[in-house]
């Protein structure tokens, strides 16, 4: 058994039915890269499904000043980072980025409140 978020998983395969419901079926691509190369063509069924927002990029406020945090947020939310294929590569890119560019994919500045639905569902 394992837990996966579908945002990071879809680069290795695809759902053959509704990914938002228990019983979601995920099939690994026949040419999947590591770490899924050992299970190419295999399928898995979701026993539970929980809506979760994408993972955050965090800063340890004990070691970084508010001014430095603001600079980091400004850099991550800039057009330069948004358009950098090392961060957001197109789905058909030969070299993968950290994330797949899908429409207007980009980093946004948020607060802890944004994760309230996930925190509620995890209790």
PDB file of N, CA and C in Angstrom:
ATOM      1  N   UNK A   1       0.824  -1.167   0.000  1.00  0.00           N
ATOM      2  CA  UNK A   1       0.000   0.000   0.000  1.00  0.00           C
ATOM      3  C   UNK A   1       0.878   1.243   0.000  1.00  0.00           C
ATOM      4  N   UNK A   2       0.401   2.295  -0.657  1.00  0.00           N
ATOM      5  CA  UNK A   2       1.160   3.535  -0.723  1.00  0.00           C
ATOM      6  C   UNK A   2       0.204   4.705  -0.903  1.00  0.00           C
ATOM      7  N   UNK A   3       0.686   5.899  -0.619  1.00  0.00           N
ATOM      8  CA  UNK A   3      -0.093   7.117  -0.831  1.00  0.00           C
ATOM      9  C   UNK A   3       0.606   7.957  -1.887  1.00  0.00           C
ATOM     10  N   UNK A   4      -0.176   8.486  -2.825  1.00  0.00           N
ATOM     11  CA  UNK A   4       0.372   9.319  -3.891  1.00  0.00           C
ATOM     12  C   UNK A   4      -0.572  10.475  -4.157  1.00  0.00           C
ATOM     13  N   UNK A   5      -0.012  11.589  -4.574  1.00  0.00           N
ATOM     14  CA  UNK A   5      -0.860  12.673  -5.063  1.00  0.00           C
ATOM     15  C   UNK A   5      -0.859  12.564  -6.584  1.00  0.00           C
ATOM     16  N   UNK A   6      -2.025  12.718  -7.173  1.00  0.00           N
ATOM     17  CA  UNK A   6      -2.152  12.503  -8.621  1.00  0.00           C
ATOM     18  C   UNK A   6      -1.424  13.548  -9.454  1.00  0.00           C
ATOM     19  N   UNK A   7      -1.171  14.726  -8.902  1.00  0.00           N
ATOM     20  CA  UNK A   7      -0.462  15.756  -9.654  1.00  0.00           C
ATOM     21  C   UNK A   7       0.933  15.285 -10.051  1.00  0.00           C
ATOM     22  N   UNK A   8       1.641  14.653  -9.129  1.00  0.00           N
ATOM     23  CA  UNK A   8       2.989  14.175  -9.417  1.00  0.00           C
ATOM     24  C   UNK A   8       2.984  12.809 -10.094  1.00  0.00           C
ATOM     25  N   UNK A   9       1.921  12.058  -9.928  1.00  0.00           N
ATOM     26  CA  UNK A   9       1.844  10.703 -10.461  1.00  0.00           C
ATOM     27  C   UNK A   9       1.555  10.649 -11.952  1.00  0.00           C
ATOM     28  N   UNK A  10       0.797  11.613 -12.477  1.00  0.00           N
ATOM     29  CA  UNK A  10       0.340  11.526 -13.871  1.00  0.00           C
ATOM     30  C   UNK A  10       1.459  11.591 -14.910  1.00  0.00           C
ATOM     31  N   UNK A  11       2.651  11.971 -14.537  1.00  0.00           N
ATOM     32  CA  UNK A  11       3.744  11.931 -15.504  1.00  0.00           C
ATOM     33  C   UNK A  11       4.196  10.495 -15.765  1.00  0.00           C
ATOM     34  N   UNK A  12       3.749   9.555 -14.945  1.00  0.00           N
ATOM     35  CA  UNK A  12       4.134   8.157 -15.086  1.00  0.00           C
ATOM     36  C   UNK A  12       3.022   7.263 -15.634  1.00  0.00           C
ATOM     37  N   UNK A  13       1.816   7.795 -15.753  1.00  0.00           N
ATOM     38  CA  UNK A  13       0.697   6.988 -16.228  1.00  0.00           C
ATOM     39  C   UNK A  13      -0.566   7.810 -16.334  1.00  0.00           C
ATOM     40  N   UNK A  14      -1.719   7.118 -16.335  1.00  0.00           N
ATOM     41  CA  UNK A  14      -2.979   7.847 -16.431  1.00  0.00           C
ATOM     42  C   UNK A  14      -4.097   7.093 -15.722  1.00  0.00           C
ATOM     43  N   UNK A  15      -5.093   7.846 -15.330  1.00  0.00           N
ATOM     44  CA  UNK A  15      -6.286   7.251 -14.733  1.00  0.00           C
ATOM     45  C   UNK A  15      -7.175   6.752 -15.856  1.00  0.00           C
ATOM     46  N   UNK A  16      -7.740   5.571 -15.662  1.00  0.00           N
ATOM     47  CA  UNK A  16      -8.625   5.013 -16.678  1.00  0.00           C
ATOM     48  C   UNK A  16     -10.089   5.283 -16.340  1.00  0.00           C
ATOM     49  N   UNK A  17     -10.335   5.889 -15.189  1.00  0.00           N
ATOM     50  CA  UNK A  17     -11.692   6.283 -14.794  1.00  0.00           C
ATOM     51  C   UNK A  17     -11.586   7.526 -13.908  1.00  0.00           C
ATOM     52  N   UNK A  18     -12.616   7.824 -13.155  1.00  0.00           N
ATOM     53  CA  UNK A  18     -12.678   9.049 -12.351  1.00  0.00           C
ATOM     54  C   UNK A  18     -11.673   9.011 -11.197  1.00  0.00           C
ATOM     55  N   UNK A  19     -10.666   9.867 -11.273  1.00  0.00           N
ATOM     56  CA  UNK A  19      -9.594   9.899 -10.272  1.00  0.00           C
ATOM     57  C   UNK A  19     -10.059  10.434  -8.924  1.00  0.00           C
ATOM     58  N   UNK A  20     -11.224  11.047  -8.866  1.00  0.00           N
ATOM     59  CA  UNK A  20     -11.672  11.672  -7.621  1.00  0.00           C
ATOM     60  C   UNK A  20     -12.523  10.750  -6.759  1.00  0.00           C
ATOM     61  N   UNK A  21     -12.670   9.495  -7.159  1.00  0.00           N
ATOM     62  CA  UNK A  21     -13.544   8.572  -6.415  1.00  0.00           C
ATOM     63  C   UNK A  21     -12.786   7.313  -5.996  1.00  0.00           C
ATOM     64  N   UNK A  22     -13.244   6.709  -4.892  1.00  0.00           N
ATOM     65  CA  UNK A  22     -12.709   5.417  -4.479  1.00  0.00           C
ATOM     66  C   UNK A  22     -12.892   4.457  -5.651  1.00  0.00           C
ATOM     67  N   UNK A  23     -11.896   3.629  -5.901  1.00  0.00           N
ATOM     68  CA  UNK A  23     -11.938   2.718  -7.042  1.00  0.00           C
ATOM     69  C   UNK A  23     -11.255   3.294  -8.271  1.00  0.00           C
ATOM     70  N   UNK A  24     -10.678   4.489  -8.137  1.00  0.00           N
ATOM     71  CA  UNK A  24      -9.952   5.086  -9.255  1.00  0.00           C
ATOM     72  C   UNK A  24      -8.856   4.114  -9.691  1.00  0.00           C
ATOM     73  N   UNK A  25      -8.767   3.892 -10.983  1.00  0.00           N
ATOM     74  CA  UNK A  25      -7.808   2.947 -11.551  1.00  0.00           C
ATOM     75  C   UNK A  25      -6.699   3.727 -12.244  1.00  0.00           C
ATOM     76  N   UNK A  26      -5.466   3.487 -11.831  1.00  0.00           N
ATOM     77  CA  UNK A  26      -4.320   4.173 -12.412  1.00  0.00           C
ATOM     78  C   UNK A  26      -3.424   3.153 -13.086  1.00  0.00           C
ATOM     79  N   UNK A  27      -3.121   3.388 -14.367  1.00  0.00           N
ATOM     80  CA  UNK A  27      -2.270   2.476 -15.131  1.00  0.00           C
ATOM     81  C   UNK A  27      -0.951   3.162 -15.450  1.00  0.00           C
ATOM     82  N   UNK A  28       0.153   2.482 -15.114  1.00  0.00           N
ATOM     83  CA  UNK A  28       1.501   3.006 -15.350  1.00  0.00           C
ATOM     84  C   UNK A  28       1.829   2.876 -16.835  1.00  0.00           C
ATOM     85  N   UNK A  29       2.411   3.928 -17.414  1.00  0.00           N
ATOM     86  CA  UNK A  29       2.805   3.915 -18.825  1.00  0.00           C
ATOM     87  C   UNK A  29       3.805   2.800 -19.102  1.00  0.00           C
ATOM     88  N   UNK A  30       3.780   2.258 -20.305  1.00  0.00           N
ATOM     89  CA  UNK A  30       4.711   1.196 -20.700  1.00  0.00           C
ATOM     90  C   UNK A  30       6.155   1.692 -20.791  1.00  0.00           C
ATOM     91  N   UNK A  31       6.331   3.020 -20.911  1.00  0.00           N
ATOM     92  CA  UNK A  31       7.685   3.583 -20.985  1.00  0.00           C
ATOM     93  C   UNK A  31       8.000   4.461 -19.776  1.00  0.00           C
ATOM     94  N   UNK A  32       7.319   4.223 -18.645  1.00  0.00           N
ATOM     95  CA  UNK A  32       7.489   5.053 -17.446  1.00  0.00           C
ATOM     96  C   UNK A  32       8.943   5.077 -16.974  1.00  0.00           C
ATOM     97  N   UNK A  33       9.375   6.253 -16.583  1.00  0.00           N
ATOM     98  CA  UNK A  33      10.724   6.439 -16.052  1.00  0.00           C
ATOM     99  C   UNK A  33      10.781   5.986 -14.594  1.00  0.00           C
ATOM    100  N   UNK A  34      11.988   5.880 -14.059  1.00  0.00           N
ATOM    101  CA  UNK A  34      12.180   5.559 -12.643  1.00  0.00           C
ATOM    102  C   UNK A  34      11.493   6.631 -11.800  1.00  0.00           C
ATOM    103  N   UNK A  35      10.896   6.291 -10.723  1.00  0.00           N
ATOM    104  CA  UNK A  35      10.955   5.012 -10.030  1.00  0.00           C
ATOM    105  C   UNK A  35       9.876   4.016 -10.462  1.00  0.00           C
ATOM    106  N   UNK A  36       9.100   4.314 -11.497  1.00  0.00           N
ATOM    107  CA  UNK A  36       8.008   3.444 -11.909  1.00  0.00           C
ATOM    108  C   UNK A  36       8.372   2.510 -13.055  1.00  0.00           C
ATOM    109  N   UNK A  37       9.627   2.485 -13.450  1.00  0.00           N
ATOM    110  CA  UNK A  37      10.065   1.619 -14.548  1.00  0.00           C
ATOM    111  C   UNK A  37       9.913   0.138 -14.212  1.00  0.00           C
ATOM    112  N   UNK A  38       9.936  -0.204 -12.936  1.00  0.00           N
ATOM    113  CA  UNK A  38       9.806  -1.605 -12.520  1.00  0.00           C
ATOM    114  C   UNK A  38       8.358  -2.098 -12.537  1.00  0.00           C
ATOM    115  N   UNK A  39       7.405  -1.169 -12.698  1.00  0.00           N
ATOM    116  CA  UNK A  39       5.986  -1.562 -12.689  1.00  0.00           C
ATOM    117  C   UNK A  39       5.257  -1.075 -13.947  1.00  0.00           C
ATOM    118  N   UNK A  40       5.986  -0.943 -15.026  1.00  0.00           N
ATOM    119  CA  UNK A  40       5.395  -0.491 -16.288  1.00  0.00           C
ATOM    120  C   UNK A  40       4.221  -1.385 -16.678  1.00  0.00           C
ATOM    121  N   UNK A  41       3.133  -0.728 -17.112  1.00  0.00           N
ATOM    122  CA  UNK A  41       1.950  -1.463 -17.551  1.00  0.00           C
ATOM    123  C   UNK A  41       1.061  -1.970 -16.430  1.00  0.00           C
ATOM    124  N   UNK A  42       1.505  -1.876 -15.192  1.00  0.00           N
ATOM    125  CA  UNK A  42       0.714  -2.349 -14.047  1.00  0.00           C
ATOM    126  C   UNK A  42      -0.360  -1.325 -13.698  1.00  0.00           C
ATOM    127  N   UNK A  43      -1.371  -1.775 -12.985  1.00  0.00           N
ATOM    128  CA  UNK A  43      -2.466  -0.904 -12.554  1.00  0.00           C
ATOM    129  C   UNK A  43      -2.606  -0.958 -11.038  1.00  0.00           C
ATOM    130  N   UNK A  44      -3.142   0.108 -10.478  1.00  0.00           N
ATOM    131  CA  UNK A  44      -3.452   0.136  -9.052  1.00  0.00           C
ATOM    132  C   UNK A  44      -4.817   0.778  -8.874  1.00  0.00           C
ATOM    133  N   UNK A  45      -5.491   0.358  -7.829  1.00  0.00           N
ATOM    134  CA  UNK A  45      -6.840   0.841  -7.527  1.00  0.00           C
ATOM    135  C   UNK A  45      -6.802   1.621  -6.213  1.00  0.00           C
ATOM    136  N   UNK A  46      -7.402   2.801  -6.203  1.00  0.00           N
ATOM    137  CA  UNK A  46      -7.450   3.633  -4.997  1.00  0.00           C
ATOM    138  C   UNK A  46      -8.461   3.067  -4.006  1.00  0.00           C
ATOM    139  N   UNK A  47      -7.984   2.811  -2.783  1.00  0.00           N
ATOM    140  CA  UNK A  47      -8.862   2.325  -1.720  1.00  0.00           C
ATOM    141  C   UNK A  47      -9.519   3.474  -0.974  1.00  0.00           C
ATOM    142  N   UNK A  48      -8.915   4.644  -1.061  1.00  0.00           N
ATOM    143  CA  UNK A  48      -9.444   5.855  -0.433  1.00  0.00           C
ATOM    144  C   UNK A  48      -8.988   7.043  -1.268  1.00  0.00           C
ATOM    145  N   UNK A  49      -9.776   8.089  -1.251  1.00  0.00           N
ATOM    146  CA  UNK A  49      -9.451   9.294  -2.016  1.00  0.00           C
ATOM    147  C   UNK A  49      -9.724  10.499  -1.130  1.00  0.00           C
ATOM    148  N   UNK A  50      -8.723  11.354  -1.011  1.00  0.00           N
ATOM    149  CA  UNK A  50      -8.872  12.573  -0.220  1.00  0.00           C
ATOM    150  C   UNK A  50      -8.417  13.763  -1.048  1.00  0.00           C
ATOM    151  N   UNK A  51      -9.251  14.791  -1.160  1.00  0.00           N
ATOM    152  CA  UNK A  51      -8.800  15.977  -1.891  1.00  0.00           C
ATOM    153  C   UNK A  51      -7.714  16.699  -1.103  1.00  0.00           C
ATOM    154  N   UNK A  52      -6.609  16.974  -1.767  1.00  0.00           N
ATOM    155  CA  UNK A  52      -5.478  17.648  -1.140  1.00  0.00           C
ATOM    156  C   UNK A  52      -4.946  18.681  -2.122  1.00  0.00           C
ATOM    157  N   UNK A  53      -4.707  19.874  -1.631  1.00  0.00           N
ATOM    158  CA  UNK A  53      -4.110  20.893  -2.490  1.00  0.00           C
ATOM    159  C   UNK A  53      -2.660  20.527  -2.775  1.00  0.00           C
ATOM    160  N   UNK A  54      -2.106  21.122  -3.806  1.00  0.00           N
ATOM    161  CA  UNK A  54      -0.706  20.851  -4.149  1.00  0.00           C
ATOM    162  C   UNK A  54       0.214  21.180  -2.984  1.00  0.00           C
ATOM    163  N   UNK A  55       1.363  20.543  -3.010  1.00  0.00           N
ATOM    164  CA  UNK A  55       2.329  20.710  -1.931  1.00  0.00           C
ATOM    165  C   UNK A  55       2.888  22.123  -1.896  1.00  0.00           C
ATOM    166  N   UNK A  56       3.166  22.620  -0.703  1.00  0.00           N
ATOM    167  CA  UNK A  56       3.721  23.966  -0.581  1.00  0.00           C
ATOM    168  C   UNK A  56       5.244  23.964  -0.657  1.00  0.00           C
ATOM    169  N   UNK A  57       5.796  25.122  -0.893  1.00  0.00           N
ATOM    170  CA  UNK A  57       7.223  25.370  -0.705  1.00  0.00           C
ATOM    171  C   UNK A  57       7.288  26.163   0.594  1.00  0.00           C
ATOM    172  N   UNK A  58       8.010  25.655   1.557  1.00  0.00           N
ATOM    173  CA  UNK A  58       8.024  26.245   2.895  1.00  0.00           C
ATOM    174  C   UNK A  58       9.326  26.951   3.207  1.00  0.00           C
ATOM    175  N   UNK A  59       9.243  27.881   4.137  1.00  0.00           N
ATOM    176  CA  UNK A  59      10.420  28.595   4.634  1.00  0.00           C
ATOM    177  C   UNK A  59      10.424  28.468   6.150  1.00  0.00           C
ATOM    178  N   UNK A  60      11.584  28.141   6.716  1.00  0.00           N
ATOM    179  CA  UNK A  60      11.729  28.086   8.164  1.00  0.00           C
ATOM    180  C   UNK A  60      11.912  29.509   8.673  1.00  0.00           C
ATOM    181  N   UNK A  61      10.890  30.047   9.278  1.00  0.00           N
ATOM    182  CA  UNK A  61      10.917  31.442   9.727  1.00  0.00           C
ATOM    183  C   UNK A  61      11.926  31.699  10.848  1.00  0.00           C
ATOM    184  N   UNK A  62      12.428  30.649  11.468  1.00  0.00           N
ATOM    185  CA  UNK A  62      13.428  30.829  12.528  1.00  0.00           C
ATOM    186  C   UNK A  62      14.801  31.179  11.948  1.00  0.00           C
ATOM    187  N   UNK A  63      15.036  30.811  10.687  1.00  0.00           N
ATOM    188  CA  UNK A  63      16.340  31.050  10.102  1.00  0.00           C
ATOM    189  C   UNK A  63      16.362  32.061   8.981  1.00  0.00           C
ATOM    190  N   UNK A  64      15.184  32.628   8.655  1.00  0.00           N
ATOM    191  CA  UNK A  64      15.082  33.553   7.527  1.00  0.00           C
ATOM    192  C   UNK A  64      14.268  34.765   7.965  1.00  0.00           C
ATOM    193  N   UNK A  65      14.731  35.947   7.615  1.00  0.00           N
ATOM    194  CA  UNK A  65      14.019  37.168   8.016  1.00  0.00           C
ATOM    195  C   UNK A  65      12.779  37.380   7.145  1.00  0.00           C
ATOM    196  N   UNK A  66      11.892  38.225   7.587  1.00  0.00           N
ATOM    197  CA  UNK A  66      10.682  38.573   6.837  1.00  0.00           C
ATOM    198  C   UNK A  66      11.060  39.199   5.487  1.00  0.00           C
ATOM    199  N   UNK A  67      12.086  40.033   5.474  1.00  0.00           N
ATOM    200  CA  UNK A  67      12.554  40.655   4.228  1.00  0.00           C
ATOM    201  C   UNK A  67      13.029  39.582   3.246  1.00  0.00           C
ATOM    202  N   UNK A  68      13.784  38.608   3.757  1.00  0.00           N
ATOM    203  CA  UNK A  68      14.265  37.517   2.897  1.00  0.00           C
ATOM    204  C   UNK A  68      13.106  36.662   2.388  1.00  0.00           C
ATOM    205  N   UNK A  69      12.128  36.413   3.246  1.00  0.00           N
ATOM    206  CA  UNK A  69      10.943  35.653   2.830  1.00  0.00           C
ATOM    207  C   UNK A  69      10.223  36.387   1.704  1.00  0.00           C
ATOM    208  N   UNK A  70      10.054  37.688   1.846  1.00  0.00           N
ATOM    209  CA  UNK A  70       9.387  38.468   0.799  1.00  0.00           C
ATOM    210  C   UNK A  70      10.139  38.384  -0.528  1.00  0.00           C
ATOM    211  N   UNK A  71      11.463  38.398  -0.476  1.00  0.00           N
ATOM    212  CA  UNK A  71      12.281  38.284  -1.692  1.00  0.00           C
ATOM    213  C   UNK A  71      12.103  36.902  -2.331  1.00  0.00           C
ATOM    214  N   UNK A  72      12.055  35.868  -1.499  1.00  0.00           N
ATOM    215  CA  UNK A  72      11.862  34.503  -2.001  1.00  0.00           C
ATOM    216  C   UNK A  72      10.493  34.372  -2.669  1.00  0.00           C
ATOM    217  N   UNK A  73       9.453  34.874  -2.007  1.00  0.00           N
ATOM    218  CA  UNK A  73       8.100  34.814  -2.576  1.00  0.00           C
ATOM    219  C   UNK A  73       8.053  35.579  -3.896  1.00  0.00           C
ATOM    220  N   UNK A  74       8.652  36.762  -3.927  1.00  0.00           N
ATOM    221  CA  UNK A  74       8.672  37.568  -5.147  1.00  0.00           C
ATOM    222  C   UNK A  74       9.371  36.816  -6.279  1.00  0.00           C
ATOM    223  N   UNK A  75      10.481  36.160  -5.969  1.00  0.00           N
ATOM    224  CA  UNK A  75      11.223  35.409  -6.996  1.00  0.00           C
ATOM    225  C   UNK A  75      10.411  34.209  -7.488  1.00  0.00           C
ATOM    226  N   UNK A  76       9.860  33.421  -6.574  1.00  0.00           N
ATOM    227  CA  UNK A  76       9.113  32.232  -6.973  1.00  0.00           C
ATOM    228  C   UNK A  76       7.845  32.561  -7.754  1.00  0.00           C
ATOM    229  N   UNK A  77       7.230  33.686  -7.480  1.00  0.00           N
ATOM    230  CA  UNK A  77       5.986  34.056  -8.169  1.00  0.00           C
ATOM    231  C   UNK A  77       6.234  34.938  -9.388  1.00  0.00           C
ATOM    232  N   UNK A  78       7.493  35.124  -9.750  1.00  0.00           N
ATOM    233  CA  UNK A  78       7.841  35.977 -10.893  1.00  0.00           C
ATOM    234  C   UNK A  78       7.570  35.277 -12.223  1.00  0.00           C
ATOM    235  N   UNK A  79       7.439  36.075 -13.287  1.00  0.00           N
ATOM    236  CA  UNK A  79       7.272  35.529 -14.636  1.00  0.00           C
ATOM    237  C   UNK A  79       8.506  34.731 -15.043  1.00  0.00           C
ATOM    238  N   UNK A  80       9.672  35.148 -14.568  1.00  0.00           N
ATOM    239  CA  UNK A  80      10.909  34.451 -14.908  1.00  0.00           C
ATOM    240  C   UNK A  80      10.846  32.985 -14.456  1.00  0.00           C
ATOM    241  N   UNK A  81      10.401  32.739 -13.233  1.00  0.00           N
ATOM    242  CA  UNK A  81      10.274  31.367 -12.733  1.00  0.00           C
ATOM    243  C   UNK A  81       9.112  30.662 -13.418  1.00  0.00           C
ATOM    244  N   UNK A  82       7.988  31.351 -13.573  1.00  0.00           N
ATOM    245  CA  UNK A  82       6.823  30.760 -14.232  1.00  0.00           C
ATOM    246  C   UNK A  82       7.165  30.251 -15.623  1.00  0.00           C
ATOM    247  N   UNK A  83       8.011  30.977 -16.341  1.00  0.00           N
ATOM    248  CA  UNK A  83       8.359  30.610 -17.716  1.00  0.00           C
ATOM    249  C   UNK A  83       9.645  29.789 -17.834  1.00  0.00           C
ATOM    250  N   UNK A  84      10.225  29.404 -16.706  1.00  0.00           N
ATOM    251  CA  UNK A  84      11.466  28.633 -16.713  1.00  0.00           C
ATOM    252  C   UNK A  84      11.135  27.137 -16.816  1.00  0.00           C
ATOM    253  N   UNK A  85      11.542  26.470 -17.910  1.00  0.00           N
ATOM    254  CA  UNK A  85      11.214  25.053 -18.077  1.00  0.00           C
ATOM    255  C   UNK A  85      11.881  24.136 -17.047  1.00  0.00           C
ATOM    256  N   UNK A  86      12.858  24.644 -16.301  1.00  0.00           N
ATOM    257  CA  UNK A  86      13.423  23.831 -15.222  1.00  0.00           C
ATOM    258  C   UNK A  86      12.428  23.708 -14.069  1.00  0.00           C
ATOM    259  N   UNK A  87      11.565  24.702 -13.945  1.00  0.00           N
ATOM    260  CA  UNK A  87      10.492  24.647 -12.954  1.00  0.00           C
ATOM    261  C   UNK A  87       9.235  24.036 -13.567  1.00  0.00           C
ATOM    262  N   UNK A  88       8.780  24.593 -14.689  1.00  0.00           N
ATOM    263  CA  UNK A  88       7.522  24.193 -15.310  1.00  0.00           C
ATOM    264  C   UNK A  88       7.752  23.823 -16.772  1.00  0.00           C
ATOM    265  N   UNK A  89       7.964  22.552 -17.037  1.00  0.00           N
ATOM    266  CA  UNK A  89       8.241  22.091 -18.400  1.00  0.00           C
ATOM    267  C   UNK A  89       6.943  21.672 -19.085  1.00  0.00           C
ATOM    268  N   UNK A  90       6.832  21.899 -20.380  1.00  0.00           N
ATOM    269  CA  UNK A  90       5.659  21.408 -21.120  1.00  0.00           C
ATOM    270  C   UNK A  90       5.578  19.885 -21.013  1.00  0.00           C
ATOM    271  N   UNK A  91       4.375  19.334 -21.139  1.00  0.00           N
ATOM    272  CA  UNK A  91       4.176  17.889 -21.018  1.00  0.00           C
ATOM    273  C   UNK A  91       5.029  17.105 -22.006  1.00  0.00           C
ATOM    274  N   UNK A  92       5.279  17.670 -23.190  1.00  0.00           N
ATOM    275  CA  UNK A  92       6.039  16.959 -24.217  1.00  0.00           C
ATOM    276  C   UNK A  92       7.537  17.291 -24.196  1.00  0.00           C
ATOM    277  N   UNK A  93       8.006  17.940 -23.138  1.00  0.00           N
ATOM    278  CA  UNK A  93       9.423  18.315 -23.053  1.00  0.00           C
ATOM    279  C   UNK A  93      10.312  17.082 -22.964  1.00  0.00           C
ATOM    280  N   UNK A  94      11.467  17.153 -23.594  1.00  0.00           N
ATOM    281  CA  UNK A  94      12.419  16.038 -23.526  1.00  0.00           C
ATOM    282  C   UNK A  94      13.050  15.939 -22.145  1.00  0.00           C
ATOM    283  N   UNK A  95      13.203  17.078 -21.484  1.00  0.00           N
ATOM    284  CA  UNK A  95      13.743  17.118 -20.127  1.00  0.00           C
ATOM    285  C   UNK A  95      12.636  17.599 -19.201  1.00  0.00           C
ATOM    286  N   UNK A  96      12.315  16.804 -18.195  1.00  0.00           N
ATOM    287  CA  UNK A  96      11.255  17.163 -17.260  1.00  0.00           C
ATOM    288  C   UNK A  96      11.687  18.289 -16.344  1.00  0.00           C
ATOM    289  N   UNK A  97      10.734  19.139 -16.006  1.00  0.00           N
ATOM    290  CA  UNK A  97      10.967  20.161 -15.000  1.00  0.00           C
ATOM    291  C   UNK A  97      10.496  19.643 -13.654  1.00  0.00           C
ATOM    292  N   UNK A  98      10.514  20.502 -12.656  1.00  0.00           N
ATOM    293  CA  UNK A  98       9.978  20.110 -11.350  1.00  0.00           C
ATOM    294  C   UNK A  98       8.498  19.777 -11.469  1.00  0.00           C
ATOM    295  N   UNK A  99       7.785  20.534 -12.327  1.00  0.00           N
ATOM    296  CA  UNK A  99       6.357  20.360 -12.525  1.00  0.00           C
ATOM    297  C   UNK A  99       6.067  20.395 -14.019  1.00  0.00           C
ATOM    298  N   UNK A 100       4.914  19.845 -14.397  1.00  0.00           N
ATOM    299  CA  UNK A 100       4.487  19.902 -15.785  1.00  0.00           C
ATOM    300  C   UNK A 100       3.671  21.170 -15.984  1.00  0.00           C
ATOM    301  N   UNK A 101       3.996  21.926 -17.015  1.00  0.00           N
ATOM    302  CA  UNK A 101       3.275  23.157 -17.343  1.00  0.00           C
ATOM    303  C   UNK A 101       1.941  22.765 -17.968  1.00  0.00           C
ATOM    304  N   UNK A 102       0.867  23.143 -17.330  1.00  0.00           N
ATOM    305  CA  UNK A 102      -0.475  22.827 -17.801  1.00  0.00           C
ATOM    306  C   UNK A 102      -1.300  24.106 -17.741  1.00  0.00           C
ATOM    307  N   UNK A 103      -1.459  24.762 -18.878  1.00  0.00           N
ATOM    308  CA  UNK A 103      -2.189  26.029 -18.882  1.00  0.00           C
ATOM    309  C   UNK A 103      -1.394  27.111 -18.185  1.00  0.00           C
ATOM    310  N   UNK A 104      -1.962  27.692 -17.147  1.00  0.00           N
ATOM    311  CA  UNK A 104      -1.342  28.801 -16.435  1.00  0.00           C
ATOM    312  C   UNK A 104      -0.676  28.327 -15.134  1.00  0.00           C
ATOM    313  N   UNK A 105      -0.002  27.190 -15.186  1.00  0.00           N
ATOM    314  CA  UNK A 105       0.659  26.644 -14.007  1.00  0.00           C
ATOM    315  C   UNK A 105       1.743  27.603 -13.527  1.00  0.00           C
ATOM    316  N   UNK A 106       1.724  27.890 -12.227  1.00  0.00           N
ATOM    317  CA  UNK A 106       2.711  28.798 -11.650  1.00  0.00           C
ATOM    318  C   UNK A 106       2.654  28.691 -10.136  1.00  0.00           C
ATOM    319  N   UNK A 107       3.651  29.231  -9.471  1.00  0.00           N
ATOM    320  CA  UNK A 107       3.634  29.339  -8.023  1.00  0.00           C
ATOM    321  C   UNK A 107       2.781  30.545  -7.642  1.00  0.00           C
ATOM    322  N   UNK A 108       2.037  30.416  -6.552  1.00  0.00           N
ATOM    323  CA  UNK A 108       1.268  31.543  -6.022  1.00  0.00           C
ATOM    324  C   UNK A 108       1.584  31.686  -4.533  1.00  0.00           C
ATOM    325  N   UNK A 109       1.479  32.894  -4.031  1.00  0.00           N
ATOM    326  CA  UNK A 109       1.692  33.134  -2.603  1.00  0.00           C
ATOM    327  C   UNK A 109       0.392  32.817  -1.870  1.00  0.00           C
ATOM    328  N   UNK A 110       0.495  32.039  -0.805  1.00  0.00           N
ATOM    329  CA  UNK A 110      -0.684  31.669  -0.018  1.00  0.00           C
ATOM    330  C   UNK A 110      -0.362  31.785   1.467  1.00  0.00           C
ATOM    331  N   UNK A 111      -1.386  31.604   2.291  1.00  0.00           N
ATOM    332  CA  UNK A 111      -1.202  31.539   3.741  1.00  0.00           C
ATOM    333  C   UNK A 111      -1.645  30.154   4.210  1.00  0.00           C
ATOM    334  N   UNK A 112      -1.453  29.870   5.473  1.00  0.00           N
ATOM    335  CA  UNK A 112      -1.885  28.583   6.021  1.00  0.00           C
ATOM    336  C   UNK A 112      -3.382  28.355   5.848  1.00  0.00           C
ATOM    337  N   UNK A 113      -4.168  29.427   5.796  1.00  0.00           N
ATOM    338  CA  UNK A 113      -5.625  29.302   5.640  1.00  0.00           C
ATOM    339  C   UNK A 113      -5.998  28.550   4.368  1.00  0.00           C
ATOM    340  N   UNK A 114      -5.184  28.685   3.333  1.00  0.00           N
ATOM    341  CA  UNK A 114      -5.478  28.050   2.055  1.00  0.00           C
ATOM    342  C   UNK A 114      -5.559  26.530   2.208  1.00  0.00           C
ATOM    343  N   UNK A 115      -4.813  25.971   3.161  1.00  0.00           N
ATOM    344  CA  UNK A 115      -4.788  24.530   3.386  1.00  0.00           C
ATOM    345  C   UNK A 115      -5.849  24.045   4.368  1.00  0.00           C
ATOM    346  N   UNK A 116      -6.731  24.903   4.824  1.00  0.00           N
ATOM    347  CA  UNK A 116      -7.768  24.510   5.783  1.00  0.00           C
ATOM    348  C   UNK A 116      -8.589  23.306   5.316  1.00  0.00           C
ATOM    349  N   UNK A 117      -9.024  23.223   4.049  1.00  0.00           N
ATOM    350  CA  UNK A 117      -9.790  22.033   3.635  1.00  0.00           C
ATOM    351  C   UNK A 117      -8.995  20.725   3.784  1.00  0.00           C
ATOM    352  N   UNK A 118      -7.718  20.752   3.467  1.00  0.00           N
ATOM    353  CA  UNK A 118      -6.891  19.552   3.614  1.00  0.00           C
ATOM    354  C   UNK A 118      -6.709  19.216   5.092  1.00  0.00           C
ATOM    355  N   UNK A 119      -6.440  20.229   5.891  1.00  0.00           N
ATOM    356  CA  UNK A 119      -6.246  19.992   7.324  1.00  0.00           C
ATOM    357  C   UNK A 119      -7.523  19.432   7.949  1.00  0.00           C
ATOM    358  N   UNK A 120      -8.678  19.899   7.507  1.00  0.00           N
ATOM    359  CA  UNK A 120      -9.960  19.399   8.015  1.00  0.00           C
ATOM    360  C   UNK A 120     -10.162  17.937   7.647  1.00  0.00           C
ATOM    361  N   UNK A 121      -9.830  17.571   6.414  1.00  0.00           N
ATOM    362  CA  UNK A 121     -10.009  16.195   5.940  1.00  0.00           C
ATOM    363  C   UNK A 121      -9.002  15.226   6.530  1.00  0.00           C
ATOM    364  N   UNK A 122      -7.886  15.718   7.053  1.00  0.00           N
ATOM    365  CA  UNK A 122      -6.858  14.822   7.567  1.00  0.00           C
ATOM    366  C   UNK A 122      -7.039  14.508   9.051  1.00  0.00           C
ATOM    367  N   UNK A 123      -8.007  15.105   9.661  1.00  0.00           N
ATOM    368  CA  UNK A 123      -8.206  14.862  11.106  1.00  0.00           C
ATOM    369  C   UNK A 123      -9.195  13.770  11.335  1.00  0.00           C
TER     370      UNK A 123
END
